[in-house]
Amino acid sequence: MWTSLTDICRREERSINEIISMIDEKRADTNLTAAIRVFLICYFRDASAFQSMRFAGMAEESDFDVNADPAPDEGLRCGALVSAALDVVGPRRAAASDGN
């Protein structure tokens, strides 16, 4: 699990703390470890599916390239795979001050 998370962090040019903080913010009422596992599975599932589409010639027109380096002006924006995996983890949790 931690090796996979480290691989994602290297690819996305983010720290482990940044990725885990994003997961923690998005997770529903599940525990953090389970949310991290869901994130990892979804990230690699989507990466695999996209790579398969590229090899089949179905994703040739896409602007998204799994192996591309991020553009220098992208800053700390989430990559497409991170965003998709976070969407599966859950909606943003309500803040403690919201009374939830």
PDB file of N, CA and C in Angstrom:
ATOM      1  N   MET A   1       0.821  -1.183   0.000  1.00  0.00           N
ATOM      2  CA  MET A   1       0.000   0.000   0.000  1.00  0.00           C
ATOM      3  C   MET A   1       0.874   1.259   0.000  1.00  0.00           C
ATOM      4  N   TRP A   2       1.883   1.299   0.866  1.00  0.00           N
ATOM      5  CA  TRP A   2       2.720   2.491   0.966  1.00  0.00           C
ATOM      6  C   TRP A   2       3.625   2.655  -0.254  1.00  0.00           C
ATOM      7  N   THR A   3       4.061   1.547  -0.825  1.00  0.00           N
ATOM      8  CA  THR A   3       4.855   1.632  -2.050  1.00  0.00           C
ATOM      9  C   THR A   3       4.017   2.202  -3.183  1.00  0.00           C
ATOM     10  N   SER A   4       2.778   1.768  -3.285  1.00  0.00           N
ATOM     11  CA  SER A   4       1.873   2.289  -4.313  1.00  0.00           C
ATOM     12  C   SER A   4       1.613   3.770  -4.105  1.00  0.00           C
ATOM     13  N   LEU A   5       1.391   4.174  -2.865  1.00  0.00           N
ATOM     14  CA  LEU A   5       1.160   5.578  -2.570  1.00  0.00           C
ATOM     15  C   LEU A   5       2.401   6.410  -2.916  1.00  0.00           C
ATOM     16  N   THR A   6       3.576   5.895  -2.607  1.00  0.00           N
ATOM     17  CA  THR A   6       4.820   6.583  -2.947  1.00  0.00           C
ATOM     18  C   THR A   6       4.973   6.718  -4.456  1.00  0.00           C
ATOM     19  N   ASP A   7       4.620   5.673  -5.205  1.00  0.00           N
ATOM     20  CA  ASP A   7       4.678   5.737  -6.672  1.00  0.00           C
ATOM     21  C   ASP A   7       3.764   6.829  -7.210  1.00  0.00           C
ATOM     22  N   ILE A   8       2.556   6.922  -6.669  1.00  0.00           N
ATOM     23  CA  ILE A   8       1.615   7.958  -7.104  1.00  0.00           C
ATOM     24  C   ILE A   8       2.176   9.340  -6.775  1.00  0.00           C
ATOM     25  N   CYS A   9       2.716   9.495  -5.595  1.00  0.00           N
ATOM     26  CA  CYS A   9       3.274  10.790  -5.189  1.00  0.00           C
ATOM     27  C   CYS A   9       4.405  11.227  -6.113  1.00  0.00           C
ATOM     28  N   ARG A  10       5.267  10.309  -6.482  1.00  0.00           N
ATOM     29  CA  ARG A  10       6.349  10.643  -7.420  1.00  0.00           C
ATOM     30  C   ARG A  10       5.791  11.064  -8.764  1.00  0.00           C
ATOM     31  N   ARG A  11       4.829  10.307  -9.269  1.00  0.00           N
ATOM     32  CA  ARG A  11       4.254  10.588 -10.571  1.00  0.00           C
ATOM     33  C   ARG A  11       3.503  11.915 -10.583  1.00  0.00           C
ATOM     34  N   GLU A  12       2.805  12.201  -9.509  1.00  0.00           N
ATOM     35  CA  GLU A  12       1.987  13.416  -9.425  1.00  0.00           C
ATOM     36  C   GLU A  12       2.755  14.614  -8.859  1.00  0.00           C
ATOM     37  N   GLU A  13       4.014  14.377  -8.490  1.00  0.00           N
ATOM     38  CA  GLU A  13       4.863  15.417  -7.902  1.00  0.00           C
ATOM     39  C   GLU A  13       4.204  16.074  -6.690  1.00  0.00           C
ATOM     40  N   ARG A  14       3.746  15.219  -5.798  1.00  0.00           N
ATOM     41  CA  ARG A  14       3.122  15.654  -4.546  1.00  0.00           C
ATOM     42  C   ARG A  14       3.729  14.851  -3.408  1.00  0.00           C
ATOM     43  N   SER A  15       3.641  15.385  -2.216  1.00  0.00           N
ATOM     44  CA  SER A  15       4.133  14.653  -1.055  1.00  0.00           C
ATOM     45  C   SER A  15       3.068  13.666  -0.592  1.00  0.00           C
ATOM     46  N   ILE A  16       3.501  12.696   0.191  1.00  0.00           N
ATOM     47  CA  ILE A  16       2.550  11.748   0.772  1.00  0.00           C
ATOM     48  C   ILE A  16       1.546  12.501   1.633  1.00  0.00           C
ATOM     49  N   ASN A  17       2.031  13.486   2.380  1.00  0.00           N
ATOM     50  CA  ASN A  17       1.141  14.275   3.225  1.00  0.00           C
ATOM     51  C   ASN A  17       0.066  14.982   2.399  1.00  0.00           C
ATOM     52  N   GLU A  18       0.429  15.532   1.233  1.00  0.00           N
ATOM     53  CA  GLU A  18      -0.555  16.214   0.387  1.00  0.00           C
ATOM     54  C   GLU A  18      -1.635  15.251  -0.104  1.00  0.00           C
ATOM     55  N   ILE A  19      -1.208  14.091  -0.592  1.00  0.00           N
ATOM     56  CA  ILE A  19      -2.167  13.113  -1.119  1.00  0.00           C
ATOM     57  C   ILE A  19      -3.079  12.610   0.001  1.00  0.00           C
ATOM     58  N   ILE A  20      -2.501  12.268   1.140  1.00  0.00           N
ATOM     59  CA  ILE A  20      -3.312  11.762   2.249  1.00  0.00           C
ATOM     60  C   ILE A  20      -4.258  12.847   2.760  1.00  0.00           C
ATOM     61  N   SER A  21      -3.819  14.089   2.781  1.00  0.00           N
ATOM     62  CA  SER A  21      -4.701  15.184   3.206  1.00  0.00           C
ATOM     63  C   SER A  21      -5.887  15.329   2.262  1.00  0.00           C
ATOM     64  N   MET A  22      -5.642  15.186   0.951  1.00  0.00           N
ATOM     65  CA  MET A  22      -6.740  15.258  -0.016  1.00  0.00           C
ATOM     66  C   MET A  22      -7.722  14.115   0.191  1.00  0.00           C
ATOM     67  N   ILE A  23      -7.182  12.918   0.429  1.00  0.00           N
ATOM     68  CA  ILE A  23      -8.041  11.753   0.665  1.00  0.00           C
ATOM     69  C   ILE A  23      -8.848  11.963   1.943  1.00  0.00           C
ATOM     70  N   ASP A  24      -8.176  12.427   2.990  1.00  0.00           N
ATOM     71  CA  ASP A  24      -8.847  12.647   4.274  1.00  0.00           C
ATOM     72  C   ASP A  24      -9.969  13.666   4.142  1.00  0.00           C
ATOM     73  N   GLU A  25      -9.745  14.705   3.351  1.00  0.00           N
ATOM     74  CA  GLU A  25     -10.763  15.732   3.161  1.00  0.00           C
ATOM     75  C   GLU A  25     -11.977  15.197   2.404  1.00  0.00           C
ATOM     76  N   LYS A  26     -11.762  14.255   1.485  1.00  0.00           N
ATOM     77  CA  LYS A  26     -12.844  13.737   0.646  1.00  0.00           C
ATOM     78  C   LYS A  26     -13.581  12.544   1.226  1.00  0.00           C
ATOM     79  N   ARG A  27     -12.947  11.832   2.141  1.00  0.00           N
ATOM     80  CA  ARG A  27     -13.553  10.581   2.608  1.00  0.00           C
ATOM     81  C   ARG A  27     -14.853  10.849   3.343  1.00  0.00           C
ATOM     82  N   ALA A  28     -15.734   9.907   3.253  1.00  0.00           N
ATOM     83  CA  ALA A  28     -17.027  10.010   3.939  1.00  0.00           C
ATOM     84  C   ALA A  28     -16.842   9.559   5.383  1.00  0.00           C
ATOM     85  N   ASP A  29     -17.707   8.694   5.863  1.00  0.00           N
ATOM     86  CA  ASP A  29     -17.624   8.237   7.248  1.00  0.00           C
ATOM     87  C   ASP A  29     -16.763   6.997   7.410  1.00  0.00           C
ATOM     88  N   THR A  30     -15.952   6.704   6.430  1.00  0.00           N
ATOM     89  CA  THR A  30     -15.079   5.537   6.506  1.00  0.00           C
ATOM     90  C   THR A  30     -13.760   5.926   7.158  1.00  0.00           C
ATOM     91  N   ASN A  31     -13.002   4.935   7.601  1.00  0.00           N
ATOM     92  CA  ASN A  31     -11.722   5.280   8.219  1.00  0.00           C
ATOM     93  C   ASN A  31     -10.698   5.635   7.138  1.00  0.00           C
ATOM     94  N   LEU A  32      -9.650   6.313   7.540  1.00  0.00           N
ATOM     95  CA  LEU A  32      -8.667   6.839   6.599  1.00  0.00           C
ATOM     96  C   LEU A  32      -7.940   5.730   5.842  1.00  0.00           C
ATOM     97  N   THR A  33      -7.598   4.659   6.520  1.00  0.00           N
ATOM     98  CA  THR A  33      -6.896   3.560   5.852  1.00  0.00           C
ATOM     99  C   THR A  33      -7.750   2.973   4.732  1.00  0.00           C
ATOM    100  N   ALA A  34      -9.015   2.768   4.976  1.00  0.00           N
ATOM    101  CA  ALA A  34      -9.915   2.243   3.942  1.00  0.00           C
ATOM    102  C   ALA A  34     -10.036   3.230   2.784  1.00  0.00           C
ATOM    103  N   ALA A  35     -10.114   4.510   3.089  1.00  0.00           N
ATOM    104  CA  ALA A  35     -10.216   5.528   2.035  1.00  0.00           C
ATOM    105  C   ALA A  35      -8.949   5.557   1.184  1.00  0.00           C
ATOM    106  N   ILE A  36      -7.789   5.396   1.818  1.00  0.00           N
ATOM    107  CA  ILE A  36      -6.528   5.348   1.064  1.00  0.00           C
ATOM    108  C   ILE A  36      -6.529   4.142   0.137  1.00  0.00           C
ATOM    109  N   ARG A  37      -6.982   3.009   0.615  1.00  0.00           N
ATOM    110  CA  ARG A  37      -7.029   1.802  -0.223  1.00  0.00           C
ATOM    111  C   ARG A  37      -7.952   1.999  -1.425  1.00  0.00           C
ATOM    112  N   VAL A  38      -9.112   2.585  -1.199  1.00  0.00           N
ATOM    113  CA  VAL A  38     -10.043   2.855  -2.296  1.00  0.00           C
ATOM    114  C   VAL A  38      -9.390   3.785  -3.310  1.00  0.00           C
ATOM    115  N   PHE A  39      -8.734   4.831  -2.821  1.00  0.00           N
ATOM    116  CA  PHE A  39      -8.037   5.776  -3.688  1.00  0.00           C
ATOM    117  C   PHE A  39      -6.997   5.059  -4.554  1.00  0.00           C
ATOM    118  N   LEU A  40      -6.173   4.218  -3.928  1.00  0.00           N
ATOM    119  CA  LEU A  40      -5.123   3.503  -4.661  1.00  0.00           C
ATOM    120  C   LEU A  40      -5.714   2.607  -5.749  1.00  0.00           C
ATOM    121  N   ILE A  41      -6.729   1.858  -5.396  1.00  0.00           N
ATOM    122  CA  ILE A  41      -7.356   0.960  -6.371  1.00  0.00           C
ATOM    123  C   ILE A  41      -7.932   1.756  -7.533  1.00  0.00           C
ATOM    124  N   CYS A  42      -8.637   2.830  -7.238  1.00  0.00           N
ATOM    125  CA  CYS A  42      -9.255   3.636  -8.301  1.00  0.00           C
ATOM    126  C   CYS A  42      -8.205   4.313  -9.174  1.00  0.00           C
ATOM    127  N   TYR A  43      -7.148   4.817  -8.570  1.00  0.00           N
ATOM    128  CA  TYR A  43      -6.086   5.478  -9.329  1.00  0.00           C
ATOM    129  C   TYR A  43      -5.474   4.500 -10.338  1.00  0.00           C
ATOM    130  N   PHE A  44      -5.059   3.347  -9.862  1.00  0.00           N
ATOM    131  CA  PHE A  44      -4.397   2.390 -10.748  1.00  0.00           C
ATOM    132  C   PHE A  44      -5.381   1.740 -11.722  1.00  0.00           C
ATOM    133  N   ARG A  45      -6.631   1.560 -11.315  1.00  0.00           N
ATOM    134  CA  ARG A  45      -7.645   1.037 -12.240  1.00  0.00           C
ATOM    135  C   ARG A  45      -7.841   1.996 -13.400  1.00  0.00           C
ATOM    136  N   ASP A  46      -7.990   3.275 -13.093  1.00  0.00           N
ATOM    137  CA  ASP A  46      -8.190   4.275 -14.140  1.00  0.00           C
ATOM    138  C   ASP A  46      -6.957   4.416 -15.023  1.00  0.00           C
ATOM    139  N   ALA A  47      -5.779   4.370 -14.428  1.00  0.00           N
ATOM    140  CA  ALA A  47      -4.542   4.452 -15.221  1.00  0.00           C
ATOM    141  C   ALA A  47      -4.434   3.262 -16.164  1.00  0.00           C
ATOM    142  N   SER A  48      -4.781   2.098 -15.679  1.00  0.00           N
ATOM    143  CA  SER A  48      -4.738   0.893 -16.504  1.00  0.00           C
ATOM    144  C   SER A  48      -5.758   0.969 -17.635  1.00  0.00           C
ATOM    145  N   ALA A  49      -6.964   1.421 -17.324  1.00  0.00           N
ATOM    146  CA  ALA A  49      -8.004   1.531 -18.349  1.00  0.00           C
ATOM    147  C   ALA A  49      -7.607   2.534 -19.417  1.00  0.00           C
ATOM    148  N   PHE A  50      -7.066   3.656 -18.998  1.00  0.00           N
ATOM    149  CA  PHE A  50      -6.654   4.663 -19.969  1.00  0.00           C
ATOM    150  C   PHE A  50      -5.526   4.140 -20.847  1.00  0.00           C
ATOM    151  N   GLN A  51      -4.562   3.463 -20.233  1.00  0.00           N
ATOM    152  CA  GLN A  51      -3.445   2.908 -21.004  1.00  0.00           C
ATOM    153  C   GLN A  51      -3.955   1.873 -22.011  1.00  0.00           C
ATOM    154  N   SER A  52      -4.923   1.066 -21.613  1.00  0.00           N
ATOM    155  CA  SER A  52      -5.507   0.077 -22.523  1.00  0.00           C
ATOM    156  C   SER A  52      -6.206   0.752 -23.692  1.00  0.00           C
ATOM    157  N   MET A  53      -6.905   1.856 -23.415  1.00  0.00           N
ATOM    158  CA  MET A  53      -7.576   2.601 -24.488  1.00  0.00           C
ATOM    159  C   MET A  53      -6.548   3.188 -25.454  1.00  0.00           C
ATOM    160  N   ARG A  54      -5.433   3.669 -24.938  1.00  0.00           N
ATOM    161  CA  ARG A  54      -4.384   4.220 -25.807  1.00  0.00           C
ATOM    162  C   ARG A  54      -3.832   3.141 -26.724  1.00  0.00           C
ATOM    163  N   PHE A  55      -3.580   1.950 -26.168  1.00  0.00           N
ATOM    164  CA  PHE A  55      -3.029   0.868 -26.978  1.00  0.00           C
ATOM    165  C   PHE A  55      -4.024   0.392 -28.023  1.00  0.00           C
ATOM    166  N   ALA A  56      -5.311   0.518 -27.721  1.00  0.00           N
ATOM    167  CA  ALA A  56      -6.343   0.107 -28.665  1.00  0.00           C
ATOM    168  C   ALA A  56      -6.639   1.202 -29.688  1.00  0.00           C
ATOM    169  N   GLY A  57      -6.003   2.368 -29.535  1.00  0.00           N
ATOM    170  CA  GLY A  57      -6.215   3.460 -30.473  1.00  0.00           C
ATOM    171  C   GLY A  57      -7.457   4.274 -30.185  1.00  0.00           C
ATOM    172  N   MET A  58      -8.062   4.072 -29.025  1.00  0.00           N
ATOM    173  CA  MET A  58      -9.304   4.773 -28.703  1.00  0.00           C
ATOM    174  C   MET A  58      -9.059   6.107 -28.008  1.00  0.00           C
ATOM    175  N   ALA A  59      -7.858   6.362 -27.551  1.00  0.00           N
ATOM    176  CA  ALA A  59      -7.604   7.592 -26.802  1.00  0.00           C
ATOM    177  C   ALA A  59      -6.570   8.471 -27.500  1.00  0.00           C
ATOM    178  N   GLU A  60      -6.398   8.285 -28.781  1.00  0.00           N
ATOM    179  CA  GLU A  60      -5.370   9.039 -29.500  1.00  0.00           C
ATOM    180  C   GLU A  60      -5.629  10.542 -29.514  1.00  0.00           C
ATOM    181  N   GLU A  61      -6.872  10.950 -29.513  1.00  0.00           N
ATOM    182  CA  GLU A  61      -7.200  12.364 -29.602  1.00  0.00           C
ATOM    183  C   GLU A  61      -7.198  13.068 -28.248  1.00  0.00           C
ATOM    184  N   SER A  62      -6.996  12.334 -27.187  1.00  0.00           N
ATOM    185  CA  SER A  62      -7.064  12.915 -25.849  1.00  0.00           C
ATOM    186  C   SER A  62      -5.864  13.805 -25.571  1.00  0.00           C
ATOM    187  N   ASP A  63      -6.106  14.889 -24.822  1.00  0.00           N
ATOM    188  CA  ASP A  63      -5.026  15.764 -24.377  1.00  0.00           C
ATOM    189  C   ASP A  63      -4.307  15.177 -23.165  1.00  0.00           C
ATOM    190  N   PHE A  64      -4.901  14.182 -22.534  1.00  0.00           N
ATOM    191  CA  PHE A  64      -4.353  13.597 -21.321  1.00  0.00           C
ATOM    192  C   PHE A  64      -3.387  12.482 -21.684  1.00  0.00           C
ATOM    193  N   ASP A  65      -2.165  12.576 -21.215  1.00  0.00           N
ATOM    194  CA  ASP A  65      -1.153  11.565 -21.476  1.00  0.00           C
ATOM    195  C   ASP A  65      -0.636  11.051 -20.138  1.00  0.00           C
ATOM    196  N   VAL A  66      -0.873   9.779 -19.867  1.00  0.00           N
ATOM    197  CA  VAL A  66      -0.473   9.175 -18.594  1.00  0.00           C
ATOM    198  C   VAL A  66       1.018   9.333 -18.345  1.00  0.00           C
ATOM    199  N   ASN A  67       1.831   9.254 -19.382  1.00  0.00           N
ATOM    200  CA  ASN A  67       3.279   9.295 -19.220  1.00  0.00           C
ATOM    201  C   ASN A  67       3.879  10.689 -19.364  1.00  0.00           C
ATOM    202  N   ALA A  68       3.067  11.687 -19.614  1.00  0.00           N
ATOM    203  CA  ALA A  68       3.580  13.040 -19.840  1.00  0.00           C
ATOM    204  C   ALA A  68       4.016  13.690 -18.538  1.00  0.00           C
ATOM    205  N   ASP A  69       5.011  14.542 -18.658  1.00  0.00           N
ATOM    206  CA  ASP A  69       5.419  15.353 -17.522  1.00  0.00           C
ATOM    207  C   ASP A  69       4.413  16.477 -17.369  1.00  0.00           C
ATOM    208  N   PRO A  70       4.131  16.900 -16.136  1.00  0.00           N
ATOM    209  CA  PRO A  70       3.184  17.994 -15.957  1.00  0.00           C
ATOM    210  C   PRO A  70       3.751  19.283 -16.539  1.00  0.00           C
ATOM    211  N   ALA A  71       2.872  20.115 -17.065  1.00  0.00           N
ATOM    212  CA  ALA A  71       3.290  21.404 -17.597  1.00  0.00           C
ATOM    213  C   ALA A  71       3.771  22.273 -16.440  1.00  0.00           C
ATOM    214  N   PRO A  72       4.766  23.112 -16.676  1.00  0.00           N
ATOM    215  CA  PRO A  72       5.314  23.905 -15.576  1.00  0.00           C
ATOM    216  C   PRO A  72       4.317  24.869 -14.942  1.00  0.00           C
ATOM    217  N   ASP A  73       3.292  25.302 -15.674  1.00  0.00           N
ATOM    218  CA  ASP A  73       2.336  26.255 -15.118  1.00  0.00           C
ATOM    219  C   ASP A  73       1.174  25.591 -14.394  1.00  0.00           C
ATOM    220  N   GLU A  74       1.188  24.270 -14.248  1.00  0.00           N
ATOM    221  CA  GLU A  74       0.089  23.583 -13.598  1.00  0.00           C
ATOM    222  C   GLU A  74       0.121  23.714 -12.081  1.00  0.00           C
ATOM    223  N   GLY A  75       1.242  24.098 -11.514  1.00  0.00           N
ATOM    224  CA  GLY A  75       1.316  24.297 -10.076  1.00  0.00           C
ATOM    225  C   GLY A  75       0.924  23.067  -9.293  1.00  0.00           C
ATOM    226  N   LEU A  76       0.077  23.227  -8.293  1.00  0.00           N
ATOM    227  CA  LEU A  76      -0.310  22.121  -7.429  1.00  0.00           C
ATOM    228  C   LEU A  76      -1.683  21.569  -7.759  1.00  0.00           C
ATOM    229  N   ARG A  77      -2.161  21.803  -8.971  1.00  0.00           N
ATOM    230  CA  ARG A  77      -3.458  21.237  -9.345  1.00  0.00           C
ATOM    231  C   ARG A  77      -3.371  19.717  -9.347  1.00  0.00           C
ATOM    232  N   CYS A  78      -4.495  19.073  -9.084  1.00  0.00           N
ATOM    233  CA  CYS A  78      -4.555  17.612  -9.095  1.00  0.00           C
ATOM    234  C   CYS A  78      -4.463  17.114 -10.521  1.00  0.00           C
ATOM    235  N   GLY A  79      -3.778  15.984 -10.696  1.00  0.00           N
ATOM    236  CA  GLY A  79      -3.788  15.322 -11.976  1.00  0.00           C
ATOM    237  C   GLY A  79      -5.150  14.684 -12.206  1.00  0.00           C
ATOM    238  N   ALA A  80      -5.426  14.330 -13.447  1.00  0.00           N
ATOM    239  CA  ALA A  80      -6.725  13.747 -13.788  1.00  0.00           C
ATOM    240  C   ALA A  80      -6.984  12.447 -13.035  1.00  0.00           C
ATOM    241  N   LEU A  81      -5.959  11.616 -12.893  1.00  0.00           N
ATOM    242  CA  LEU A  81      -6.156  10.350 -12.183  1.00  0.00           C
ATOM    243  C   LEU A  81      -6.414  10.571 -10.697  1.00  0.00           C
ATOM    244  N   VAL A  82      -5.714  11.539 -10.095  1.00  0.00           N
ATOM    245  CA  VAL A  82      -5.937  11.848  -8.680  1.00  0.00           C
ATOM    246  C   VAL A  82      -7.364  12.353  -8.482  1.00  0.00           C
ATOM    247  N   SER A  83      -7.794  13.270  -9.341  1.00  0.00           N
ATOM    248  CA  SER A  83      -9.147  13.819  -9.218  1.00  0.00           C
ATOM    249  C   SER A  83     -10.208  12.734  -9.341  1.00  0.00           C
ATOM    250  N   ALA A  84     -10.039  11.856 -10.323  1.00  0.00           N
ATOM    251  CA  ALA A  84     -11.017  10.781 -10.518  1.00  0.00           C
ATOM    252  C   ALA A  84     -11.055   9.848  -9.315  1.00  0.00           C
ATOM    253  N   ALA A  85      -9.883   9.495  -8.779  1.00  0.00           N
ATOM    254  CA  ALA A  85      -9.834   8.604  -7.620  1.00  0.00           C
ATOM    255  C   ALA A  85     -10.442   9.277  -6.391  1.00  0.00           C
ATOM    256  N   LEU A  86     -10.187  10.572  -6.220  1.00  0.00           N
ATOM    257  CA  LEU A  86     -10.766  11.294  -5.087  1.00  0.00           C
ATOM    258  C   LEU A  86     -12.282  11.362  -5.188  1.00  0.00           C
ATOM    259  N   ASP A  87     -12.801  11.463  -6.408  1.00  0.00           N
ATOM    260  CA  ASP A  87     -14.251  11.484  -6.584  1.00  0.00           C
ATOM    261  C   ASP A  87     -14.900  10.202  -6.092  1.00  0.00           C
ATOM    262  N   VAL A  88     -14.205   9.086  -6.226  1.00  0.00           N
ATOM    263  CA  VAL A  88     -14.744   7.809  -5.771  1.00  0.00           C
ATOM    264  C   VAL A  88     -14.649   7.697  -4.250  1.00  0.00           C
ATOM    265  N   VAL A  89     -13.601   8.281  -3.671  1.00  0.00           N
ATOM    266  CA  VAL A  89     -13.423   8.219  -2.221  1.00  0.00           C
ATOM    267  C   VAL A  89     -14.628   8.820  -1.523  1.00  0.00           C
ATOM    268  N   GLY A  90     -15.166   9.897  -2.057  1.00  0.00           N
ATOM    269  CA  GLY A  90     -16.370  10.473  -1.475  1.00  0.00           C
ATOM    270  C   GLY A  90     -16.435  11.966  -1.630  1.00  0.00           C
ATOM    271  N   PRO A  91     -17.589  12.528  -1.282  1.00  0.00           N
ATOM    272  CA  PRO A  91     -17.737  13.978  -1.328  1.00  0.00           C
ATOM    273  C   PRO A  91     -16.952  14.614  -0.191  1.00  0.00           C
ATOM    274  N   ARG A  92     -16.681  15.875  -0.319  1.00  0.00           N
ATOM    275  CA  ARG A  92     -15.967  16.572   0.741  1.00  0.00           C
ATOM    276  C   ARG A  92     -16.786  16.504   2.024  1.00  0.00           C
ATOM    277  N   ARG A  93     -16.102  16.191   3.122  1.00  0.00           N
ATOM    278  CA  ARG A  93     -16.789  16.100   4.407  1.00  0.00           C
ATOM    279  C   ARG A  93     -17.155  17.479   4.917  1.00  0.00           C
ATOM    280  N   ALA A  94     -18.254  17.540   5.652  1.00  0.00           N
ATOM    281  CA  ALA A  94     -18.671  18.805   6.254  1.00  0.00           C
ATOM    282  C   ALA A  94     -17.675  19.170   7.353  1.00  0.00           C
ATOM    283  N   ALA A  95     -17.405  20.429   7.485  1.00  0.00           N
ATOM    284  CA  ALA A  95     -16.478  20.904   8.527  1.00  0.00           C
ATOM    285  C   ALA A  95     -17.126  20.698   9.888  1.00  0.00           C
ATOM    286  N   ALA A  96     -16.289  20.572  10.912  1.00  0.00           N
ATOM    287  CA  ALA A  96     -16.796  20.346  12.267  1.00  0.00           C
ATOM    288  C   ALA A  96     -17.688  21.493  12.723  1.00  0.00           C
ATOM    289  N   SER A  97     -17.428  22.702  12.217  1.00  0.00           N
ATOM    290  CA  SER A  97     -18.239  23.846  12.621  1.00  0.00           C
ATOM    291  C   SER A  97     -19.644  23.804  12.015  1.00  0.00           C
ATOM    292  N   ASP A  98     -19.876  22.933  11.011  1.00  0.00           N
ATOM    293  CA  ASP A  98     -21.188  22.806  10.394  1.00  0.00           C
ATOM    294  C   ASP A  98     -22.150  22.016  11.276  1.00  0.00           C
ATOM    295  N   GLY A  99     -21.635  21.431  12.333  1.00  0.00           N
ATOM    296  CA  GLY A  99     -22.492  20.658  13.234  1.00  0.00           C
ATOM    297  C   GLY A  99     -22.710  19.236  12.780  1.00  0.00           C
ATOM    298  N   ASN A 100     -21.976  18.765  11.748  1.00  0.00           N
ATOM    299  CA  ASN A 100     -22.120  17.383  11.261  1.00  0.00           C
ATOM    300  C   ASN A 100     -20.991  16.532  11.733  1.00  0.00           C
TER     301      ASN A 100
END
